[in-house]
Amino acid sequence: MKAENQEKNTLSVDSTISLKGIVKAIFKDTIHVQIGGKVISLPISSQDAKNLSL
């Protein structure tokens, strides 16, 4: 494995990830998303809400 490929596979803190899931509920400050067999709740701020694409 080349050093270039190692950098691409490294996940760093504060990096952005994209997950596909089913939105189960949206509240003022949290969104509940089902990914696989689990429903997780994610805190959102007003700034995050502007960036949501549902």
N, C-alpha and C. Protein backbone atom coordinates (compact mmCIF):
# COMPACT_ATOMS: atom_id res chain seq x y z
N MET A 1 0.85 -1.19 0.00
CA MET A 1 0.00 0.00 0.00
C MET A 1 0.89 1.24 0.00
N LYS A 2 0.61 2.12 -0.90
CA LYS A 2 1.39 3.36 -0.99
C LYS A 2 0.97 4.33 0.11
N ALA A 3 1.83 5.25 0.42
CA ALA A 3 1.54 6.25 1.44
C ALA A 3 0.35 7.11 1.03
N GLU A 4 0.18 7.34 -0.28
CA GLU A 4 -0.95 8.15 -0.77
C GLU A 4 -2.27 7.48 -0.41
N ASN A 5 -2.34 6.17 -0.61
CA ASN A 5 -3.58 5.44 -0.31
C ASN A 5 -3.86 5.39 1.18
N GLN A 6 -2.82 5.35 2.00
CA GLN A 6 -3.01 5.32 3.44
C GLN A 6 -3.69 6.60 3.91
N GLU A 7 -3.32 7.74 3.35
CA GLU A 7 -3.91 9.00 3.76
C GLU A 7 -5.39 9.04 3.41
N LYS A 8 -5.78 8.50 2.28
CA LYS A 8 -7.18 8.52 1.86
C LYS A 8 -8.05 7.66 2.76
N ASN A 9 -7.48 6.61 3.35
CA ASN A 9 -8.25 5.70 4.18
C ASN A 9 -8.27 6.12 5.65
N THR A 10 -7.59 7.19 6.00
CA THR A 10 -7.54 7.65 7.38
C THR A 10 -8.73 8.55 7.67
N LEU A 11 -9.42 8.27 8.76
CA LEU A 11 -10.53 9.10 9.20
C LEU A 11 -10.06 9.96 10.35
N SER A 12 -10.24 11.25 10.25
CA SER A 12 -9.75 12.14 11.30
C SER A 12 -10.93 12.71 12.09
N VAL A 13 -10.61 13.21 13.26
CA VAL A 13 -11.62 13.86 14.10
C VAL A 13 -12.14 15.09 13.39
N ASP A 14 -13.41 15.40 13.55
CA ASP A 14 -14.08 16.54 12.92
C ASP A 14 -14.19 16.39 11.40
N SER A 15 -14.07 15.18 10.88
CA SER A 15 -14.28 14.98 9.45
C SER A 15 -15.77 14.74 9.20
N THR A 16 -16.18 14.92 7.98
CA THR A 16 -17.59 14.77 7.60
C THR A 16 -17.82 13.37 7.05
N ILE A 17 -18.92 12.74 7.50
CA ILE A 17 -19.29 11.44 6.95
C ILE A 17 -20.72 11.52 6.45
N SER A 18 -21.06 10.64 5.54
CA SER A 18 -22.41 10.60 4.99
C SER A 18 -22.98 9.21 5.20
N LEU A 19 -24.14 9.14 5.86
CA LEU A 19 -24.80 7.87 6.09
C LEU A 19 -26.22 7.95 5.55
N LYS A 20 -26.67 6.87 4.91
CA LYS A 20 -28.05 6.83 4.44
C LYS A 20 -28.89 6.10 5.47
N GLY A 21 -30.02 6.69 5.81
CA GLY A 21 -30.91 6.09 6.78
C GLY A 21 -32.32 6.60 6.58
N ILE A 22 -33.23 6.09 7.36
CA ILE A 22 -34.64 6.49 7.29
C ILE A 22 -34.91 7.44 8.45
N VAL A 23 -35.39 8.63 8.13
CA VAL A 23 -35.72 9.60 9.18
C VAL A 23 -37.02 9.15 9.83
N LYS A 24 -36.97 8.90 11.12
CA LYS A 24 -38.13 8.43 11.86
C LYS A 24 -38.87 9.57 12.55
N ALA A 25 -38.15 10.57 13.04
CA ALA A 25 -38.79 11.69 13.74
C ALA A 25 -37.86 12.89 13.71
N ILE A 26 -38.46 14.07 13.65
CA ILE A 26 -37.70 15.31 13.71
C ILE A 26 -38.31 16.17 14.81
N PHE A 27 -37.50 16.55 15.76
CA PHE A 27 -37.93 17.44 16.83
C PHE A 27 -37.15 18.74 16.73
N LYS A 28 -37.43 19.67 17.59
CA LYS A 28 -36.79 20.99 17.53
C LYS A 28 -35.27 20.90 17.59
N ASP A 29 -34.75 20.02 18.47
CA ASP A 29 -33.30 19.96 18.65
C ASP A 29 -32.68 18.60 18.37
N THR A 30 -33.48 17.62 17.93
CA THR A 30 -32.93 16.29 17.60
C THR A 30 -33.63 15.72 16.37
N ILE A 31 -32.91 14.86 15.69
CA ILE A 31 -33.48 14.11 14.57
C ILE A 31 -33.20 12.64 14.84
N HIS A 32 -34.19 11.79 14.66
CA HIS A 32 -34.05 10.36 14.91
C HIS A 32 -34.00 9.64 13.56
N VAL A 33 -32.91 8.91 13.34
CA VAL A 33 -32.67 8.26 12.05
C VAL A 33 -32.45 6.77 12.27
N GLN A 34 -33.09 5.95 11.43
CA GLN A 34 -32.88 4.50 11.50
C GLN A 34 -31.82 4.13 10.48
N ILE A 35 -30.74 3.54 10.97
CA ILE A 35 -29.67 3.03 10.12
C ILE A 35 -29.53 1.55 10.44
N GLY A 36 -29.85 0.73 9.48
CA GLY A 36 -29.88 -0.71 9.74
C GLY A 36 -31.01 -1.01 10.70
N GLY A 37 -30.75 -1.73 11.76
CA GLY A 37 -31.77 -2.08 12.73
C GLY A 37 -31.80 -1.16 13.94
N LYS A 38 -31.02 -0.09 13.92
CA LYS A 38 -30.93 0.80 15.08
C LYS A 38 -31.46 2.18 14.74
N VAL A 39 -32.14 2.79 15.70
CA VAL A 39 -32.57 4.17 15.57
C VAL A 39 -31.67 5.01 16.46
N ILE A 40 -31.01 5.99 15.87
CA ILE A 40 -30.12 6.85 16.64
C ILE A 40 -30.68 8.27 16.64
N SER A 41 -30.44 9.00 17.71
CA SER A 41 -30.89 10.39 17.76
C SER A 41 -29.66 11.28 17.63
N LEU A 42 -29.77 12.27 16.77
CA LEU A 42 -28.66 13.18 16.51
C LEU A 42 -29.08 14.58 16.92
N PRO A 43 -28.28 15.25 17.74
CA PRO A 43 -28.59 16.64 18.09
C PRO A 43 -28.34 17.54 16.89
N ILE A 44 -29.24 18.49 16.67
CA ILE A 44 -29.04 19.44 15.58
C ILE A 44 -29.21 20.86 16.11
N SER A 45 -28.48 21.76 15.53
CA SER A 45 -28.61 23.17 15.87
C SER A 45 -29.38 23.85 14.74
N SER A 46 -29.75 25.10 14.91
CA SER A 46 -30.47 25.81 13.85
C SER A 46 -29.61 25.91 12.60
N GLN A 47 -28.30 25.98 12.78
CA GLN A 47 -27.40 26.05 11.62
C GLN A 47 -27.40 24.71 10.89
N ASP A 48 -27.40 23.59 11.63
CA ASP A 48 -27.44 22.27 11.02
C ASP A 48 -28.74 22.07 10.25
N ALA A 49 -29.85 22.56 10.81
CA ALA A 49 -31.15 22.36 10.20
C ALA A 49 -31.20 22.99 8.80
N LYS A 50 -30.49 24.08 8.61
CA LYS A 50 -30.44 24.72 7.30
C LYS A 50 -29.76 23.85 6.27
N ASN A 51 -28.82 23.01 6.72
CA ASN A 51 -28.04 22.17 5.81
C ASN A 51 -28.65 20.78 5.58
N LEU A 52 -29.73 20.46 6.28
CA LEU A 52 -30.33 19.14 6.12
C LEU A 52 -30.99 19.01 4.76
N SER A 53 -30.73 17.89 4.10
CA SER A 53 -31.44 17.59 2.86
C SER A 53 -32.22 16.30 3.10
N LEU A 54 -33.51 16.41 3.17
CA LEU A 54 -34.37 15.27 3.48
C LEU A 54 -35.10 14.82 2.23
